[in-house]
Amino acid sequence: MLVFRLLMILVGLVAGYAAGRALNMSGPNSEMFLVNTVSLMLAGALLAFLVTPRLEPLLSRSFSGVRRWYSSLAPRTVAAATFGLIVALLLSVLVSNLLASLPIYSWPISILVTLVLAWFFVNYSVQHADAFGLLASQQVRRKKGSKVLDTNVIIDGRVVELAKAGFLEGELLIPSFVLRELQLLADHSDAQRRTRGKRGLAVLEELQELRPLRIDDWDEPGLDKVDDKLIRFARETGGKIVSNDNALSRIAKLQGVEVLSIHEAAVALKPQVQAGDYLTITVSKGGQQQGQGVGYLEDGTMVVVEDGLKFRGKPLRVLVVNNVQTNVGRMIFAKPDQAA
């Protein structure tokens, strides 16, 4: 903010000089003109010095908003908009020269023509940003069909089975910051984290034997969280994120990034249990309400049995009453089979 304060003081000096010139009555070479101008310049600089600290918070918020907006733009979008603006400026020069011979022509018409051409060509270029991918840097060109793997899905390991089954088409991308996170976990002092990191590296080695795997040397130092970097990387490369993190999936989808959620796929492939079906479970503990019993299916689905606590530890045939999908998984509500 020091640069901003110095700039504002310079603006105060210039404003004071301009005010001195405007109020001068005795000629620019008179001593009175010099004294008045210096006084007004000092007054402008001091006023800027007093006002600037009060303007800094407002301007800081405004600049932060603009910076976040600009950072959210994909490089190919910026490249496309810049190309469209260049074309608009070149055409405006040609059109202005053609219109200059008309008697009604004036400089406001030239500005209006430039603005109309800029609006049209910038919008058209942004809407067809994919066609301008070669204008962006080589590092962030769109890779159609590529899949970006996050840290959690690598450690999970099920991505290997998906690759074997042929469900992951296109190039598999591993950003360099994801690989560094796995390396940090593998070298961590905590045994559990160290095990997770080593498992992730082993999964990558197994994937490399099955499919082409590319480590992309991309990073964004301005972003602290790995999830934010992952979303930015996927947006800039045009790839789809493969993840089992529900929070990451929601944030990415809100920002227009496609996500292939292994968790959602696993839930969708679970066998559906309908009301009226019969199940045999073992009640293992009590529920939240009095007399309720809780058991689990082989896939881990929770079954809440009405008045089932008295059958704890015994196989019990139950009638499914309701089947509910929640954020944490599927829950089945049942009651003991009276016939049994």
Protein backbone atom coordinates (compact mmCIF):
# COMPACT_ATOMS: atom_id res chain seq x y z
CA MET A 1 0.00 0.00 0.00
CA LEU A 2 3.05 2.29 0.16
CA VAL A 3 2.95 2.67 -3.62
CA PHE A 4 -0.71 3.67 -3.44
CA ARG A 5 0.01 6.32 -0.78
CA LEU A 6 2.86 7.78 -2.82
CA LEU A 7 0.63 7.82 -5.90
CA MET A 8 -2.12 9.64 -4.02
CA ILE A 9 0.36 12.21 -2.70
CA LEU A 10 1.55 12.75 -6.29
CA VAL A 11 -2.07 13.26 -7.35
CA GLY A 12 -2.44 15.83 -4.56
CA LEU A 13 0.66 17.70 -5.78
CA VAL A 14 -0.61 17.74 -9.37
CA ALA A 15 -4.06 18.89 -8.23
CA GLY A 16 -2.49 21.69 -6.20
CA TYR A 17 -0.42 22.78 -9.18
CA ALA A 18 -3.48 22.77 -11.44
CA ALA A 19 -5.42 24.79 -8.87
CA GLY A 20 -2.57 27.31 -8.69
CA ARG A 21 -2.59 27.73 -12.46
CA ALA A 22 -6.37 28.15 -12.49
CA LEU A 23 -6.38 30.76 -9.72
CA ASN A 24 -3.38 32.72 -11.04
CA MET A 25 -4.18 36.37 -11.72
CA SER A 26 -0.75 37.99 -11.88
CA GLY A 27 1.05 35.94 -14.53
CA PRO A 28 3.00 32.69 -14.34
CA ASN A 29 6.32 34.44 -13.71
CA SER A 30 5.27 36.46 -10.70
CA GLU A 31 6.46 35.66 -7.19
CA MET A 32 2.85 35.52 -5.96
CA PHE A 33 2.09 32.75 -8.48
CA LEU A 34 5.01 30.66 -7.25
CA VAL A 35 4.11 31.09 -3.57
CA ASN A 36 0.44 30.29 -4.15
CA THR A 37 1.21 27.27 -6.31
CA VAL A 38 3.68 25.80 -3.80
CA SER A 39 1.18 26.36 -0.97
CA LEU A 40 -1.63 24.66 -2.90
CA MET A 41 0.65 21.76 -3.86
CA LEU A 42 1.65 21.22 -0.23
CA ALA A 43 -2.00 21.47 0.85
CA GLY A 44 -3.00 18.88 -1.80
CA ALA A 45 -0.21 16.50 -0.75
CA LEU A 46 -1.12 16.79 2.95
CA LEU A 47 -4.82 16.31 2.21
CA ALA A 48 -4.01 13.18 0.20
CA PHE A 49 -1.84 11.97 3.10
CA LEU A 50 -4.79 12.34 5.50
CA VAL A 51 -7.48 10.87 3.21
CA THR A 52 -5.50 7.92 1.80
CA PRO A 53 -5.59 5.72 4.98
CA ARG A 54 -9.40 5.98 4.98
CA LEU A 55 -9.61 5.02 1.31
CA GLU A 56 -7.26 2.05 1.57
CA PRO A 57 -9.78 -0.47 3.08
CA LEU A 58 -12.41 0.34 0.43
CA LEU A 59 -9.93 0.18 -2.43
CA SER A 60 -8.34 -2.96 -1.01
CA ARG A 61 -11.72 -4.76 -1.07
CA SER A 62 -12.38 -3.54 -4.59
CA PHE A 63 -8.94 -4.61 -5.84
CA SER A 64 -9.32 -7.99 -4.10
CA GLY A 65 -12.65 -8.56 -5.85
CA VAL A 66 -11.17 -7.65 -9.23
CA ARG A 67 -8.14 -9.85 -8.59
CA ARG A 68 -10.32 -12.84 -7.62
CA TRP A 69 -12.47 -12.31 -10.71
CA TYR A 70 -9.44 -12.12 -12.98
CA SER A 71 -7.84 -15.15 -11.34
CA SER A 72 -11.01 -17.19 -11.96
CA LEU A 73 -10.72 -16.65 -15.73
CA ALA A 74 -9.19 -19.44 -17.76
CA PRO A 75 -6.11 -18.42 -19.82
CA ARG A 76 -7.81 -19.48 -23.05
CA THR A 77 -10.71 -17.12 -22.21
CA VAL A 78 -8.33 -14.20 -21.62
CA ALA A 79 -6.44 -15.03 -24.82
CA ALA A 80 -9.68 -15.20 -26.81
CA ALA A 81 -10.96 -11.88 -25.40
CA THR A 82 -7.64 -10.17 -26.13
CA PHE A 83 -7.65 -11.46 -29.71
CA GLY A 84 -11.22 -10.23 -30.21
CA LEU A 85 -10.30 -6.79 -28.85
CA ILE A 86 -7.31 -6.56 -31.22
CA VAL A 87 -9.53 -7.36 -34.21
CA ALA A 88 -12.11 -4.79 -33.04
CA LEU A 89 -9.49 -2.04 -32.71
CA LEU A 90 -8.04 -2.74 -36.16
CA LEU A 91 -11.48 -2.72 -37.77
CA SER A 92 -12.46 0.46 -35.94
CA VAL A 93 -9.49 2.26 -37.51
CA LEU A 94 -10.55 1.14 -41.00
CA VAL A 95 -14.21 2.01 -40.42
CA SER A 96 -13.31 5.42 -38.95
CA ASN A 97 -11.21 6.26 -42.01
CA LEU A 98 -14.11 5.31 -44.28
CA LEU A 99 -16.59 7.40 -42.27
CA ALA A 100 -14.25 10.42 -42.02
CA SER A 101 -15.39 11.72 -45.42
CA LEU A 102 -19.01 11.98 -44.26
CA PRO A 103 -20.17 15.45 -43.15
CA ILE A 104 -21.87 14.10 -40.05
CA TYR A 105 -18.75 12.28 -38.83
CA SER A 106 -17.21 13.32 -35.48
CA TRP A 107 -15.00 11.76 -32.82
CA PRO A 108 -17.93 10.54 -30.64
CA ILE A 109 -19.10 8.45 -33.59
CA SER A 110 -15.61 6.94 -33.83
CA ILE A 111 -15.70 5.99 -30.13
CA LEU A 112 -19.19 4.51 -30.51
CA VAL A 113 -18.07 2.38 -33.48
CA THR A 114 -15.07 1.15 -31.51
CA LEU A 115 -17.22 0.18 -28.51
CA VAL A 116 -19.76 -1.69 -30.67
CA LEU A 117 -17.04 -3.61 -32.52
CA ALA A 118 -15.25 -4.42 -29.23
CA TRP A 119 -18.47 -5.71 -27.64
CA PHE A 120 -19.27 -7.92 -30.63
CA PHE A 121 -15.83 -9.43 -31.22
CA VAL A 122 -14.93 -9.92 -27.54
CA ASN A 123 -18.23 -11.71 -26.87
CA TYR A 124 -17.89 -13.84 -29.99
CA SER A 125 -14.29 -14.78 -29.13
CA VAL A 126 -15.12 -15.69 -25.52
CA GLN A 127 -18.07 -17.87 -26.60
CA HIS A 128 -15.72 -19.76 -28.93
CA ALA A 129 -12.72 -19.71 -26.58
CA ASP A 130 -11.83 -23.34 -27.36
CA ALA A 131 -10.89 -22.31 -30.90
CA PHE A 132 -8.26 -19.95 -29.48
CA GLY A 133 -6.48 -22.55 -27.36
CA LEU A 134 -3.27 -22.12 -29.38
CA LEU A 135 -3.10 -18.49 -28.24
CA ALA A 136 -2.84 -19.58 -24.60
CA SER A 137 0.39 -20.87 -23.13
CA GLN A 138 1.47 -24.38 -24.06
CA GLN A 139 1.18 -25.47 -20.44
CA VAL A 140 -2.54 -24.80 -20.09
CA ARG A 141 -3.95 -25.81 -23.47
CA ARG A 142 -7.19 -27.72 -23.32
CA LYS A 143 -6.77 -31.48 -23.12
CA LYS A 144 -10.10 -32.93 -24.19
CA GLY A 145 -11.17 -36.01 -22.26
CA SER A 146 -8.39 -35.80 -19.69
CA LYS A 147 -9.03 -36.92 -16.11
CA VAL A 148 -7.45 -35.05 -13.19
CA LEU A 149 -6.89 -37.22 -10.11
CA ASP A 150 -6.99 -35.68 -6.66
CA THR A 151 -5.06 -36.89 -3.61
CA ASN A 152 -7.96 -38.65 -1.88
CA VAL A 153 -9.00 -40.70 -4.88
CA ILE A 154 -5.41 -41.83 -5.43
CA ILE A 155 -5.04 -42.98 -1.82
CA ASP A 156 -8.49 -44.64 -2.00
CA GLY A 157 -7.15 -47.02 -4.67
CA ARG A 158 -10.46 -47.86 -6.37
CA VAL A 159 -9.36 -45.77 -9.34
CA VAL A 160 -7.08 -48.68 -10.31
CA GLU A 161 -10.08 -51.00 -10.69
CA LEU A 162 -11.87 -48.36 -12.75
CA ALA A 163 -8.84 -48.06 -15.02
CA LYS A 164 -8.67 -51.84 -15.42
CA ALA A 165 -12.36 -51.95 -16.32
CA GLY A 166 -11.91 -49.21 -18.94
CA PHE A 167 -14.17 -46.64 -17.29
CA LEU A 168 -11.48 -43.93 -17.27
CA GLU A 169 -11.01 -42.76 -20.84
CA GLY A 170 -8.53 -40.15 -21.96
CA GLU A 171 -5.27 -39.01 -20.43
CA LEU A 172 -4.75 -39.31 -16.67
CA LEU A 173 -3.26 -36.08 -15.27
CA ILE A 174 -1.51 -35.70 -11.94
CA PRO A 175 -0.72 -32.05 -11.05
CA SER A 176 2.69 -31.59 -9.48
CA PHE A 177 1.20 -30.17 -6.27
CA VAL A 178 -0.81 -33.40 -5.76
CA LEU A 179 2.35 -35.45 -6.15
CA ARG A 180 4.14 -33.21 -3.65
CA GLU A 181 1.29 -33.69 -1.17
CA LEU A 182 1.63 -37.47 -1.49
CA GLN A 183 5.38 -37.20 -0.95
CA LEU A 184 4.85 -35.08 2.18
CA LEU A 185 2.40 -37.66 3.52
CA ALA A 186 4.81 -40.51 2.77
CA ASP A 187 7.54 -38.71 4.77
CA HIS A 188 5.25 -37.61 7.61
CA SER A 189 6.16 -38.41 11.21
CA ASP A 190 2.64 -39.69 11.91
CA ALA A 191 2.46 -43.41 11.09
CA GLN A 192 -1.12 -43.29 9.78
CA ARG A 193 -0.44 -40.40 7.40
CA ARG A 194 2.81 -42.01 6.31
CA THR A 195 0.94 -45.19 5.43
CA ARG A 196 -1.63 -43.20 3.40
CA GLY A 197 1.11 -41.41 1.48
CA LYS A 198 2.97 -44.62 0.65
CA ARG A 199 -0.27 -46.24 -0.46
CA GLY A 200 -0.95 -43.30 -2.78
CA LEU A 201 2.48 -43.55 -4.39
CA ALA A 202 2.01 -47.31 -4.83
CA VAL A 203 -1.35 -46.69 -6.52
CA LEU A 204 0.31 -44.27 -8.95
CA GLU A 205 2.94 -46.87 -9.82
CA GLU A 206 0.20 -49.41 -10.49
CA LEU A 207 -1.74 -46.92 -12.61
CA GLN A 208 1.36 -46.13 -14.64
CA GLU A 209 1.61 -49.78 -15.62
CA LEU A 210 -2.01 -49.80 -16.80
CA ARG A 211 -2.44 -46.43 -18.51
CA PRO A 212 -0.40 -43.45 -19.72
CA LEU A 213 0.05 -41.23 -16.68
CA ARG A 214 1.38 -37.69 -17.02
CA ILE A 215 2.69 -35.45 -14.25
CA ASP A 216 1.87 -31.85 -15.17
CA ASP A 217 4.31 -29.32 -13.72
CA TRP A 218 1.64 -26.72 -12.88
CA ASP A 219 1.14 -24.73 -9.72
CA GLU A 220 -0.49 -21.53 -8.53
CA PRO A 221 1.45 -19.99 -5.63
CA GLY A 222 -1.37 -17.51 -5.01
CA LEU A 223 -3.69 -20.31 -3.86
CA ASP A 224 -3.08 -21.98 -0.50
CA LYS A 225 -5.52 -24.92 -0.54
CA VAL A 226 -4.89 -27.95 -2.72
CA ASP A 227 -8.61 -28.17 -3.59
CA ASP A 228 -8.58 -24.61 -4.96
CA LYS A 229 -5.50 -25.38 -7.05
CA LEU A 230 -7.11 -28.57 -8.33
CA ILE A 231 -10.25 -26.74 -9.46
CA ARG A 232 -8.18 -24.02 -11.16
CA PHE A 233 -6.02 -26.64 -12.89
CA ALA A 234 -9.07 -28.55 -14.14
CA ARG A 235 -10.68 -25.35 -15.42
CA GLU A 236 -7.56 -24.27 -17.28
CA THR A 237 -6.86 -27.67 -18.83
CA GLY A 238 -10.50 -28.52 -19.52
CA GLY A 239 -10.17 -31.86 -17.71
CA LYS A 240 -12.62 -33.59 -15.40
CA ILE A 241 -11.75 -34.12 -11.74
CA VAL A 242 -11.92 -37.69 -10.47
CA SER A 243 -12.60 -37.53 -6.73
CA ASN A 244 -14.36 -39.14 -3.79
CA ASP A 245 -14.47 -35.91 -1.76
CA ASN A 246 -18.08 -34.66 -1.55
CA ALA A 247 -17.10 -31.12 -0.52
CA LEU A 248 -14.64 -30.80 -3.42
CA SER A 249 -17.26 -32.15 -5.84
CA ARG A 250 -19.83 -29.56 -4.77
CA ILE A 251 -17.44 -26.61 -4.94
CA ALA A 252 -16.09 -27.71 -8.33
CA LYS A 253 -19.57 -28.10 -9.79
CA LEU A 254 -20.55 -24.64 -8.53
CA GLN A 255 -17.57 -23.27 -10.47
CA GLY A 256 -18.51 -25.09 -13.66
CA VAL A 257 -15.93 -27.90 -13.43
CA GLU A 258 -17.08 -31.42 -14.22
CA VAL A 259 -16.45 -34.03 -11.50
CA LEU A 260 -16.52 -37.81 -11.68
CA SER A 261 -17.32 -38.85 -8.11
CA ILE A 262 -16.34 -42.41 -7.23
CA HIS A 263 -18.46 -42.14 -4.08
CA GLU A 264 -21.57 -41.23 -6.08
CA ALA A 265 -20.86 -44.07 -8.53
CA ALA A 266 -20.53 -46.56 -5.68
CA VAL A 267 -23.80 -45.37 -4.15
CA ALA A 268 -25.56 -45.65 -7.52
CA LEU A 269 -24.32 -49.22 -7.98
CA LYS A 270 -25.48 -50.40 -4.57
CA PRO A 271 -28.36 -52.87 -4.72
CA GLN A 272 -31.65 -51.10 -4.23
CA VAL A 273 -33.81 -52.21 -1.32
CA GLN A 274 -37.47 -51.33 -1.64
CA ALA A 275 -40.20 -51.03 0.98
CA GLY A 276 -41.85 -54.41 1.46
CA ASP A 277 -38.64 -56.41 0.95
CA TYR A 278 -37.43 -58.79 3.66
CA LEU A 279 -33.86 -58.79 5.03
CA THR A 280 -32.01 -60.87 7.58
CA ILE A 281 -29.63 -58.88 9.77
CA THR A 282 -27.98 -59.08 13.16
CA VAL A 283 -28.82 -56.22 15.55
CA SER A 284 -25.49 -55.00 16.94
CA LYS A 285 -26.40 -51.94 19.01
CA GLY A 286 -29.16 -49.64 20.12
CA GLY A 287 -30.55 -46.74 18.14
CA GLN A 288 -31.23 -43.12 19.08
CA GLN A 289 -34.79 -43.80 20.20
CA GLN A 290 -35.83 -46.12 22.98
CA GLY A 291 -36.09 -49.75 21.90
CA GLN A 292 -34.53 -49.18 18.47
CA GLY A 293 -31.94 -51.63 17.22
CA VAL A 294 -29.27 -50.99 14.61
CA GLY A 295 -27.69 -53.52 12.28
CA TYR A 296 -25.63 -53.36 9.09
CA LEU A 297 -25.74 -55.04 5.71
CA GLU A 298 -22.58 -56.53 4.19
CA ASP A 299 -21.89 -53.33 2.22
CA GLY A 300 -22.12 -51.23 5.40
CA THR A 301 -25.64 -49.87 4.89
CA MET A 302 -27.26 -49.03 8.25
CA VAL A 303 -30.56 -50.72 9.09
CA VAL A 304 -32.62 -49.18 11.89
CA VAL A 305 -35.09 -51.72 13.33
CA GLU A 306 -38.11 -50.56 15.29
CA ASP A 307 -38.31 -52.39 18.66
CA GLY A 308 -35.28 -54.41 17.59
CA LEU A 309 -32.97 -53.85 20.57
CA LYS A 310 -34.40 -56.91 22.40
CA PHE A 311 -33.08 -59.09 19.52
CA ARG A 312 -29.51 -57.79 19.96
CA GLY A 313 -26.85 -60.29 18.92
CA LYS A 314 -29.32 -62.59 17.13
CA PRO A 315 -30.13 -63.00 13.41
CA LEU A 316 -33.43 -61.27 12.76
CA ARG A 317 -35.73 -61.27 9.74
CA VAL A 318 -37.07 -57.75 9.19
CA LEU A 319 -39.54 -56.07 6.85
CA VAL A 320 -38.25 -52.94 5.08
CA VAL A 321 -40.48 -49.94 5.78
CA ASN A 322 -38.48 -47.11 4.18
CA ASN A 323 -35.21 -46.55 2.30
CA VAL A 324 -33.61 -43.11 2.66
CA GLN A 325 -30.53 -41.68 0.91
CA THR A 326 -28.65 -39.18 3.12
CA ASN A 327 -25.45 -37.18 2.76
CA VAL A 328 -23.52 -39.83 4.70
CA GLY A 329 -24.99 -42.80 2.87
CA ARG A 330 -28.09 -44.94 2.60
CA MET A 331 -30.27 -45.77 5.64
CA ILE A 332 -32.94 -48.46 5.79
CA PHE A 333 -35.81 -48.39 8.30
CA ALA A 334 -37.44 -51.72 9.11
CA LYS A 335 -39.47 -53.60 11.69
CA PRO A 336 -39.31 -57.22 12.87
CA ASP A 337 -41.18 -59.72 10.75
CA GLN A 338 -44.14 -60.73 12.93
CA ALA A 339 -44.53 -64.07 11.15
CA ALA A 340 -40.96 -65.02 11.90
